[in-house]
Amino acid sequence: MQFVNDTPLQFRDGLAWEAAAVAQHTADGLLDSPLHPLNFAIETLETIDEVRRQVGTLDSPGSDAAR
């Protein structure tokens, strides 16, 4: 499987979609994205941290290396 970018956007230019979505959500008075709510982002990061902890690439919270 290979990702094919069929848009004219390159590298960081893709952030234009996110910026436009944030602008629209703000204009609509929303405090959270209905497509990717903050809760989902936090759960995803917690899962990534747990995987990193299990494979030994994340020190325990509060240790000097985790700061």
C-alpha atoms as a PDB file:
ATOM      1  CA  MET A   1       0.000   0.000   0.000  1.00  0.00           C
ATOM      2  CA  GLN A   2       1.328   3.426  -0.892  1.00  0.00           C
ATOM      3  CA  PHE A   3      -0.103   6.851  -0.139  1.00  0.00           C
ATOM      4  CA  VAL A   4      -0.565   8.964  -3.238  1.00  0.00           C
ATOM      5  CA  ASN A   5      -1.045  12.678  -2.701  1.00  0.00           C
ATOM      6  CA  ASP A   6      -3.233  13.795  -5.574  1.00  0.00           C
ATOM      7  CA  THR A   7      -3.586  17.363  -4.266  1.00  0.00           C
ATOM      8  CA  PRO A   8      -1.382  20.349  -5.031  1.00  0.00           C
ATOM      9  CA  LEU A   9      -0.544  20.595  -1.314  1.00  0.00           C
ATOM     10  CA  GLN A  10       2.974  19.647  -0.273  1.00  0.00           C
ATOM     11  CA  PHE A  11       4.460  18.988   3.164  1.00  0.00           C
ATOM     12  CA  ARG A  12       3.137  21.511   5.718  1.00  0.00           C
ATOM     13  CA  ASP A  13       0.730  23.017   3.179  1.00  0.00           C
ATOM     14  CA  GLY A  14      -1.699  20.292   4.237  1.00  0.00           C
ATOM     15  CA  LEU A  15      -2.221  22.142   7.498  1.00  0.00           C
ATOM     16  CA  ALA A  16      -4.346  24.553   5.483  1.00  0.00           C
ATOM     17  CA  TRP A  17      -7.237  22.080   5.791  1.00  0.00           C
ATOM     18  CA  GLU A  18      -6.916  22.011   9.571  1.00  0.00           C
ATOM     19  CA  ALA A  19      -6.643  25.798   9.786  1.00  0.00           C
ATOM     20  CA  ALA A  20      -9.754  26.213   7.642  1.00  0.00           C
ATOM     21  CA  ALA A  21     -11.655  23.733   9.820  1.00  0.00           C
ATOM     22  CA  VAL A  22     -10.632  25.546  13.023  1.00  0.00           C
ATOM     23  CA  ALA A  23     -11.701  28.858  11.507  1.00  0.00           C
ATOM     24  CA  GLN A  24     -15.080  27.404  10.515  1.00  0.00           C
ATOM     25  CA  HIS A  25     -15.643  25.783  13.926  1.00  0.00           C
ATOM     26  CA  THR A  26     -14.788  29.082  15.627  1.00  0.00           C
ATOM     27  CA  ALA A  27     -17.155  30.984  13.337  1.00  0.00           C
ATOM     28  CA  ASP A  28     -19.854  28.415  14.164  1.00  0.00           C
ATOM     29  CA  GLY A  29     -19.275  28.970  17.884  1.00  0.00           C
ATOM     30  CA  LEU A  30     -17.980  25.453  18.460  1.00  0.00           C
ATOM     31  CA  LEU A  31     -15.429  24.744  21.171  1.00  0.00           C
ATOM     32  CA  ASP A  32     -14.547  21.296  19.838  1.00  0.00           C
ATOM     33  CA  SER A  33     -14.320  19.538  16.492  1.00  0.00           C
ATOM     34  CA  PRO A  34     -17.245  17.227  15.769  1.00  0.00           C
ATOM     35  CA  LEU A  35     -14.933  15.106  13.584  1.00  0.00           C
ATOM     36  CA  HIS A  36     -11.994  14.858  16.008  1.00  0.00           C
ATOM     37  CA  PRO A  37     -13.044  15.895  19.518  1.00  0.00           C
ATOM     38  CA  LEU A  38     -10.471  16.674  22.199  1.00  0.00           C
ATOM     39  CA  ASN A  39     -11.457  13.549  24.148  1.00  0.00           C
ATOM     40  CA  PHE A  40     -10.504  11.383  21.173  1.00  0.00           C
ATOM     41  CA  ALA A  41      -7.161  13.146  20.822  1.00  0.00           C
ATOM     42  CA  ILE A  42      -6.409  12.641  24.527  1.00  0.00           C
ATOM     43  CA  GLU A  43      -7.354   8.948  24.361  1.00  0.00           C
ATOM     44  CA  THR A  44      -5.121   8.504  21.317  1.00  0.00           C
ATOM     45  CA  LEU A  45      -2.155  10.142  23.062  1.00  0.00           C
ATOM     46  CA  GLU A  46      -2.734   8.051  26.192  1.00  0.00           C
ATOM     47  CA  THR A  47      -2.694   4.906  24.044  1.00  0.00           C
ATOM     48  CA  ILE A  48       0.534   6.007  22.374  1.00  0.00           C
ATOM     49  CA  ASP A  49       2.095   6.729  25.777  1.00  0.00           C
ATOM     50  CA  GLU A  50       1.066   3.278  27.036  1.00  0.00           C
ATOM     51  CA  VAL A  51       2.626   1.601  24.008  1.00  0.00           C
ATOM     52  CA  ARG A  52       5.797   3.636  24.499  1.00  0.00           C
ATOM     53  CA  ARG A  53       5.852   2.691  28.186  1.00  0.00           C
ATOM     54  CA  GLN A  54       5.464  -1.012  27.379  1.00  0.00           C
ATOM     55  CA  VAL A  55       8.262  -0.992  24.828  1.00  0.00           C
ATOM     56  CA  GLY A  56      10.489   1.022  27.148  1.00  0.00           C
ATOM     57  CA  THR A  57      10.695   4.328  25.329  1.00  0.00           C
ATOM     58  CA  LEU A  58       8.739   6.342  27.912  1.00  0.00           C
ATOM     59  CA  ASP A  59       9.832   6.756  31.505  1.00  0.00           C
ATOM     60  CA  SER A  60       7.259   6.800  34.268  1.00  0.00           C
ATOM     61  CA  PRO A  61       5.477  10.099  34.944  1.00  0.00           C
ATOM     62  CA  GLY A  62       7.363  12.317  37.328  1.00  0.00           C
ATOM     63  CA  SER A  63      10.801  11.018  36.432  1.00  0.00           C
ATOM     64  CA  ASP A  64      13.394  13.492  35.194  1.00  0.00           C
ATOM     65  CA  ALA A  65      13.489  11.854  31.737  1.00  0.00           C
ATOM     66  CA  ALA A  66       9.715  12.258  31.263  1.00  0.00           C
ATOM     67  CA  ARG A  67       9.896  16.061  31.599  1.00  0.00           C
END
